[in-house]
Protein backbone atom coordinates (compact mmCIF):
# COMPACT_ATOMS: atom_id res chain seq x y z
CA MET A 1 -96.12 -198.65 27.55
CA SER A 2 -94.60 -195.44 28.93
CA THR A 3 -97.08 -192.83 30.10
CA LEU A 4 -97.20 -189.25 31.32
CA CYS A 5 -99.80 -187.43 33.40
CA LEU A 6 -101.49 -184.32 32.05
CA THR A 7 -104.09 -182.16 33.74
CA LEU A 8 -107.32 -181.47 31.90
CA ASP A 9 -106.18 -177.89 31.34
CA GLU A 10 -102.90 -179.17 29.88
CA ILE A 11 -104.77 -181.51 27.54
CA TYR A 12 -106.93 -178.62 26.39
CA GLU A 13 -103.98 -176.27 25.88
CA LEU A 14 -101.85 -178.89 24.12
CA THR A 15 -104.64 -179.47 21.62
CA ARG A 16 -105.48 -175.79 21.21
CA SER A 17 -101.89 -174.70 20.64
CA THR A 18 -101.30 -177.55 18.19
CA MET A 19 -104.37 -176.59 16.17
CA LEU A 20 -103.39 -172.90 16.16
CA ALA A 21 -99.90 -173.83 14.99
CA ASN A 22 -101.37 -175.78 12.08
CA GLY A 23 -103.77 -173.25 10.63
CA CYS A 24 -106.85 -173.10 12.87
CA ASP A 25 -108.27 -169.81 14.06
CA GLU A 26 -109.22 -169.41 17.71
CA ALA A 27 -112.85 -170.52 17.30
CA ASN A 28 -111.98 -173.74 15.50
CA ALA A 29 -109.03 -174.53 17.77
CA ALA A 30 -111.05 -173.93 20.95
CA ALA A 31 -113.98 -176.08 19.79
CA LEU A 32 -111.62 -178.93 18.95
CA ALA A 33 -109.61 -178.60 22.15
CA ASP A 34 -112.78 -178.68 24.23
CA ILE A 35 -114.13 -181.85 22.61
CA ILE A 36 -110.77 -183.65 22.93
CA MET A 37 -110.34 -182.62 26.56
CA ARG A 38 -113.85 -183.87 27.34
CA ALA A 39 -113.12 -187.19 25.66
CA GLU A 40 -109.97 -187.71 27.76
CA ARG A 41 -111.78 -186.52 30.89
CA ASP A 42 -114.57 -189.04 30.39
CA GLY A 43 -112.34 -191.96 29.44
CA SER A 44 -113.14 -191.97 25.69
CA HIS A 45 -109.46 -192.34 24.81
CA SER A 46 -109.98 -193.40 21.20
CA HIS A 47 -111.59 -189.99 20.54
CA GLY A 48 -109.20 -187.89 22.61
CA LEU A 49 -105.57 -186.94 21.98
CA PHE A 50 -105.26 -190.05 19.84
CA ARG A 51 -107.12 -188.11 17.12
CA VAL A 52 -104.88 -185.03 17.08
CA PRO A 53 -102.37 -186.29 14.46
CA GLY A 54 -105.25 -187.03 12.10
CA TYR A 55 -106.69 -183.55 12.61
CA VAL A 56 -103.30 -182.02 11.83
CA LYS A 57 -102.87 -184.10 8.67
CA SER A 58 -106.16 -182.75 7.34
CA LEU A 59 -105.17 -179.18 8.11
CA ARG A 60 -101.74 -179.52 6.49
CA SER A 61 -103.13 -181.12 3.35
CA GLY A 62 -105.68 -178.33 2.98
CA LYS A 63 -108.62 -180.71 3.10
CA VAL A 64 -110.04 -179.02 6.19
CA ASP A 65 -110.42 -175.26 6.53
CA GLY A 66 -109.20 -174.37 10.01
CA LYS A 67 -110.67 -170.88 9.66
CA ALA A 68 -114.12 -171.93 8.38
CA LYS A 69 -117.17 -170.12 9.69
CA PRO A 70 -120.26 -172.39 9.72
CA THR A 71 -123.58 -170.91 8.68
CA VAL A 72 -126.99 -171.79 10.13
CA VAL A 73 -130.26 -171.76 8.18
CA LYS A 74 -133.73 -172.58 9.53
CA LYS A 75 -135.44 -174.25 6.58
CA THR A 76 -138.67 -174.55 8.56
CA ARG A 77 -139.53 -174.20 12.24
CA ALA A 78 -138.48 -177.84 12.68
CA LEU A 79 -135.60 -178.19 10.21
CA ILE A 80 -132.21 -176.58 10.81
CA HIS A 81 -129.25 -176.87 8.47
CA VAL A 82 -125.61 -176.04 9.18
CA ASP A 83 -123.10 -175.75 6.35
CA GLY A 84 -119.75 -176.21 8.03
CA GLY A 85 -117.79 -174.61 5.21
CA GLY A 86 -115.22 -177.38 5.44
CA CYS A 87 -114.64 -177.20 9.20
CA PHE A 88 -114.15 -179.90 11.79
CA ALA A 89 -117.55 -180.92 13.16
CA PRO A 90 -117.31 -179.53 16.75
CA LEU A 91 -117.57 -175.90 15.65
CA ALA A 92 -120.53 -176.62 13.36
CA GLN A 93 -122.24 -178.44 16.21
CA ALA A 94 -121.58 -175.58 18.60
CA VAL A 95 -123.49 -173.15 16.38
CA GLY A 96 -126.28 -175.56 15.37
CA LEU A 97 -127.23 -177.44 18.52
CA PRO A 98 -128.60 -174.43 20.47
CA VAL A 99 -130.89 -173.60 17.54
CA LEU A 100 -132.03 -177.23 17.39
CA ALA A 101 -132.73 -177.34 21.13
CA GLU A 102 -134.77 -174.14 20.98
CA ALA A 103 -136.86 -175.43 18.09
CA ALA A 104 -137.56 -178.82 19.71
CA ALA A 105 -138.52 -177.22 23.02
CA GLU A 106 -141.00 -175.00 21.19
CA ILE A 107 -142.68 -177.48 18.82
CA GLY A 108 -141.82 -180.91 20.21
CA VAL A 109 -139.54 -182.35 17.54
CA ALA A 110 -136.83 -180.90 15.31
CA ALA A 111 -133.94 -182.11 13.18
CA LEU A 112 -130.51 -180.69 12.45
CA SER A 113 -128.55 -181.64 9.34
CA LEU A 114 -124.86 -180.81 9.20
CA THR A 115 -123.04 -180.92 5.88
CA ASN A 116 -119.60 -180.00 4.57
CA ILE A 117 -118.04 -181.04 7.89
CA HIS A 118 -115.30 -183.43 8.95
CA HIS A 119 -116.46 -185.56 11.91
CA PHE A 120 -113.63 -187.24 13.83
CA ALA A 121 -114.83 -186.91 17.43
CA ALA A 122 -117.08 -188.84 19.80
CA LEU A 123 -120.80 -188.63 19.04
CA TRP A 124 -122.17 -188.46 22.58
CA PRO A 125 -121.51 -184.71 23.12
CA GLU A 126 -124.28 -183.85 20.65
CA THR A 127 -126.97 -185.96 22.28
CA GLU A 128 -125.83 -185.18 25.81
CA PHE A 129 -126.15 -181.49 25.01
CA LEU A 130 -129.79 -182.08 24.13
CA ALA A 131 -130.43 -184.20 27.23
CA ASP A 132 -128.99 -181.40 29.37
CA HIS A 133 -131.70 -179.20 27.85
CA GLY A 134 -134.46 -181.63 28.77
CA LEU A 135 -134.67 -183.22 25.33
CA VAL A 136 -134.25 -186.69 23.88
CA GLY A 137 -131.36 -186.75 21.42
CA ILE A 138 -130.51 -189.09 18.55
CA ALA A 139 -127.48 -188.58 16.30
CA CYS A 140 -125.60 -190.53 13.67
CA THR A 141 -122.84 -190.01 11.15
CA ALA A 142 -121.17 -192.10 8.45
CA TYR A 143 -117.45 -192.46 7.74
CA MET A 144 -115.15 -193.96 5.13
CA PRO A 145 -115.83 -197.65 4.35
CA MET A 146 -114.31 -200.03 6.88
CA VAL A 147 -117.16 -202.45 7.62
CA ALA A 148 -118.38 -205.35 5.46
CA PRO A 149 -122.18 -205.72 5.26
CA ALA A 150 -123.45 -209.02 6.65
CA GLY A 151 -122.71 -211.82 4.20
CA SER A 152 -119.89 -209.93 2.48
CA THR A 153 -116.14 -209.62 2.97
CA GLU A 154 -115.91 -206.28 1.17
CA LYS A 155 -115.98 -202.99 3.04
CA LEU A 156 -118.86 -200.63 2.21
CA PHE A 157 -120.17 -199.14 5.48
CA GLY A 158 -118.29 -196.84 7.78
CA THR A 159 -118.14 -197.71 11.47
CA ASN A 160 -121.33 -195.59 11.43
CA PRO A 161 -121.89 -194.69 15.08
CA ILE A 162 -125.26 -193.85 16.56
CA SER A 163 -125.84 -192.00 19.82
CA PHE A 164 -128.93 -191.73 22.00
CA ALA A 165 -129.55 -189.68 25.12
CA TRP A 166 -132.53 -189.51 27.48
CA PRO A 167 -132.84 -186.59 29.93
CA ARG A 168 -133.07 -187.28 33.68
CA PRO A 169 -133.52 -183.92 35.41
CA GLY A 170 -131.27 -183.77 38.46
CA LYS A 171 -129.35 -186.87 37.36
CA PRO A 172 -126.87 -187.74 34.60
CA PRO A 173 -128.75 -188.65 31.42
CA VAL A 174 -128.93 -192.07 29.86
CA CYS A 175 -126.44 -191.64 27.02
CA TYR A 176 -124.71 -194.07 24.73
CA ASP A 177 -122.50 -193.71 21.70
CA MET A 178 -121.78 -196.92 19.85
CA ALA A 179 -120.28 -197.94 16.55
CA THR A 180 -122.44 -200.25 14.48
CA ALA A 181 -119.20 -202.10 13.80
CA SER A 182 -118.23 -204.82 16.25
CA MET A 183 -115.61 -202.40 17.59
CA ALA A 184 -114.84 -198.75 16.93
CA LEU A 185 -111.95 -198.32 14.50
CA GLY A 186 -110.11 -196.12 16.99
CA ASP A 187 -110.24 -198.90 19.58
CA VAL A 188 -108.89 -201.36 17.01
CA GLN A 189 -106.05 -198.97 16.20
CA ILE A 190 -105.21 -198.45 19.89
CA ALA A 191 -105.18 -202.22 20.43
CA ALA A 192 -102.76 -202.57 17.51
CA ARG A 193 -100.53 -199.81 18.90
CA GLU A 194 -100.39 -201.50 22.30
CA GLY A 195 -99.84 -205.01 20.93
CA LYS A 196 -103.14 -206.39 22.22
CA THR A 197 -105.55 -208.82 20.61
CA VAL A 198 -109.27 -208.26 19.98
CA PRO A 199 -112.16 -210.75 20.23
CA LEU A 200 -112.77 -213.17 17.38
CA GLY A 201 -115.56 -211.78 15.22
CA THR A 202 -114.26 -208.21 15.36
CA GLY A 203 -113.09 -208.33 11.76
CA LEU A 204 -111.32 -210.08 8.92
CA ASP A 205 -107.81 -209.81 7.53
CA ALA A 206 -107.03 -208.74 3.97
CA GLU A 207 -107.72 -212.29 2.74
CA GLY A 208 -111.17 -212.36 4.34
CA LYS A 209 -110.17 -214.67 7.19
CA GLU A 210 -111.14 -214.21 10.83
CA THR A 211 -108.34 -212.94 13.07
CA THR A 212 -107.79 -211.52 16.54
CA ASP A 213 -104.88 -209.37 15.33
CA PRO A 214 -106.07 -205.73 15.27
CA ALA A 215 -103.32 -204.70 12.84
CA LYS A 216 -104.53 -207.28 10.33
CA ILE A 217 -108.12 -206.13 10.82
CA ALA A 218 -107.11 -202.50 10.24
CA ALA A 219 -105.64 -203.68 6.93
CA GLY A 220 -108.74 -205.78 6.21
CA VAL A 221 -112.33 -205.14 7.27
CA LEU A 222 -114.38 -204.78 10.43
CA LEU A 223 -117.61 -206.73 10.85
CA PRO A 224 -120.94 -205.28 12.02
CA PHE A 225 -121.99 -206.19 15.55
CA GLY A 226 -124.70 -208.82 15.77
CA GLY A 227 -124.39 -209.97 12.18
CA TYR A 228 -127.29 -208.93 9.97
CA LYS A 229 -128.91 -206.91 12.79
CA GLY A 230 -125.94 -204.60 13.18
CA SER A 231 -125.60 -204.51 9.42
CA ALA A 232 -129.18 -203.25 9.11
CA ILE A 233 -128.51 -200.47 11.63
CA ALA A 234 -125.34 -199.50 9.75
CA LEU A 235 -127.45 -199.27 6.59
CA MET A 236 -129.91 -197.03 8.42
CA VAL A 237 -127.07 -194.74 9.49
CA GLU A 238 -125.80 -194.46 5.90
CA LEU A 239 -129.25 -193.42 4.73
CA LEU A 240 -129.86 -190.97 7.58
CA ALA A 241 -126.40 -189.37 7.66
CA ALA A 242 -125.87 -189.28 3.89
CA GLY A 243 -129.13 -190.00 2.07
CA LEU A 244 -131.17 -187.65 4.27
CA THR A 245 -128.57 -184.87 4.41
CA GLY A 246 -127.46 -185.14 0.77
CA GLU A 247 -123.85 -185.65 1.88
CA ASN A 248 -121.36 -188.41 1.06
CA PHE A 249 -122.14 -192.06 1.66
CA SER A 250 -119.12 -193.83 3.14
CA PHE A 251 -117.95 -195.16 -0.22
CA GLU A 252 -118.33 -191.70 -1.76
CA ALA A 253 -116.34 -190.19 1.09
CA ALA A 254 -113.49 -192.56 0.25
CA GLU A 255 -113.71 -191.80 -3.47
CA ASN A 256 -113.63 -188.04 -2.85
CA ASP A 257 -111.00 -188.06 -0.10
CA ASN A 258 -107.31 -187.22 -0.50
CA HIS A 259 -106.43 -190.05 1.91
CA ASP A 260 -104.21 -187.89 4.10
CA GLY A 261 -105.15 -189.95 7.16
CA GLY A 262 -107.59 -187.40 8.53
CA PRO A 263 -111.40 -187.38 8.56
CA PRO A 264 -113.24 -187.23 5.23
CA ARG A 265 -116.01 -184.78 4.42
CA GLY A 266 -119.43 -186.05 5.37
CA GLY A 267 -122.76 -185.35 7.00
CA GLU A 268 -124.51 -185.80 10.31
CA ILE A 269 -128.14 -185.86 11.37
CA VAL A 270 -129.26 -184.92 14.89
CA ILE A 271 -132.86 -185.31 16.03
CA ALA A 272 -134.31 -183.73 19.17
CA LEU A 273 -137.63 -184.57 20.82
CA SER A 274 -139.34 -182.94 23.79
CA PRO A 275 -140.80 -185.46 26.28
CA ALA A 276 -142.48 -182.57 28.09
CA LEU A 277 -144.53 -181.78 24.96
CA ILE A 278 -144.90 -185.29 23.54
CA ALA A 279 -145.62 -187.27 26.72
CA GLY A 280 -146.87 -184.33 28.75
CA GLU A 281 -147.00 -183.77 32.50
CA GLY A 282 -145.48 -186.54 34.57
CA TRP A 283 -143.15 -187.80 31.84
CA ASN A 284 -140.11 -187.77 34.08
CA ALA A 285 -141.73 -189.56 37.02
CA HIS A 286 -143.00 -192.26 34.68
CA ALA A 287 -139.59 -192.73 33.06
CA GLU A 288 -137.79 -192.70 36.43
CA ALA A 289 -140.04 -195.49 37.71
CA PHE A 290 -138.84 -197.54 34.76
CA MET A 291 -135.22 -196.62 35.44
CA GLU A 292 -135.60 -197.70 39.07
CA ARG A 293 -136.95 -201.04 37.91
CA LEU A 294 -134.06 -201.39 35.47
CA THR A 295 -131.32 -200.52 37.93
CA SER A 296 -132.76 -202.84 40.59
CA LEU A 297 -131.63 -205.76 38.44
CA GLU A 298 -128.30 -207.17 39.51
CA GLY A 299 -125.44 -206.39 37.15
CA VAL A 300 -127.19 -203.65 35.18
CA ARG A 301 -125.24 -200.48 34.41
CA VAL A 302 -126.95 -197.43 32.91
CA PRO A 303 -125.33 -196.39 29.60
CA GLY A 304 -123.11 -193.38 30.20
CA ALA A 305 -122.70 -194.05 33.93
CA ARG A 306 -119.01 -194.93 33.66
CA ARG A 307 -118.32 -191.84 31.59
CA HIS A 308 -120.05 -189.62 34.14
CA ALA A 309 -118.20 -191.30 37.01
CA ASN A 310 -114.91 -190.58 35.23
CA ARG A 311 -116.02 -186.99 34.83
CA MET A 312 -116.24 -186.53 38.59
CA ASP A 313 -112.48 -187.03 38.79
CA THR A 314 -110.95 -183.67 37.94
CA GLY A 315 -107.38 -184.87 38.42
CA SER A 316 -104.67 -185.65 35.88
CA ARG A 317 -105.09 -188.21 33.13
CA THR A 318 -102.55 -190.85 32.14
CA ILE A 319 -101.60 -190.49 28.47
CA ASN A 320 -99.37 -192.54 26.20
CA LYS A 321 -95.94 -190.84 26.29
CA SER A 322 -95.09 -191.42 22.63
CA LEU A 323 -98.45 -189.89 21.62
CA ILE A 324 -97.69 -186.74 23.62
CA GLU A 325 -94.24 -186.52 22.04
CA THR A 326 -95.79 -186.91 18.59
CA ILE A 327 -98.27 -184.10 19.26
CA HIS A 328 -95.55 -181.79 20.58
CA GLY A 329 -93.65 -182.47 17.36
CA LEU A 330 -96.64 -181.29 15.34
CA SER A 331 -96.37 -177.79 16.79
């Protein structure tokens, strides 16, 4: 695989200029460029530049409004709603998360529902934002069907990621972002592009047979991680991200989509909790004693630690050359 090196600023500007050239206004382009740069910076390659062609397809087809202006409504002191107006999710999050953080810090717990958005990015930025404000964050979103519920060979669930972050004042937060599928679809697609295999149990081919070929899985179905346990969590995500927000379930997203290759319209739920108000004084010392016990065990790595270690490197990033050439061609 041929590669090129791009600085973080070059990654940001490549994305921003591509989005502007394809119908985004400055606010939408900047929000998208920031989230993609952060994904590449932190090593989340399947949610970085790899996603740009899909974003462009949605803009060119008219499915996504690159000039949308999300609106924020406080339904109650604890319930915030953002209508994205058909935008990509990062801009809607940028206007909603500060309101959510303020509400949770004041009353202890608050929830943010985002609708009429197109989520195609990593999920950890939402919860990490909350952790950076001293709050516990939980977020989830559904997608188009790609995962077969346990016991079935037919796709119904999306990869349905869920993210959790715990604040650690003065230290990087505990933060994970995981698909409820055995592997994120983006990682399967990258493996197929690079001619690699994936572990048995990742998914099934179009005939419902197990395979290690990611291209065959992309044409078939993914499986939930952990069998029925992962399947139950995927079900929970469908109900929280779609049932609770009133937005599309994964199968509805597929039925209503134009199948241009970009992200469908859907919903997201983000929950914030204040340990300072719920647990009270000494919450951090208590939690840190647990973390010290955890990290004293040989072989244990705190979720998010690798991403934060990558973040400390402000140098260039190695990117697939053909991907860069494809993105330049989109401008």
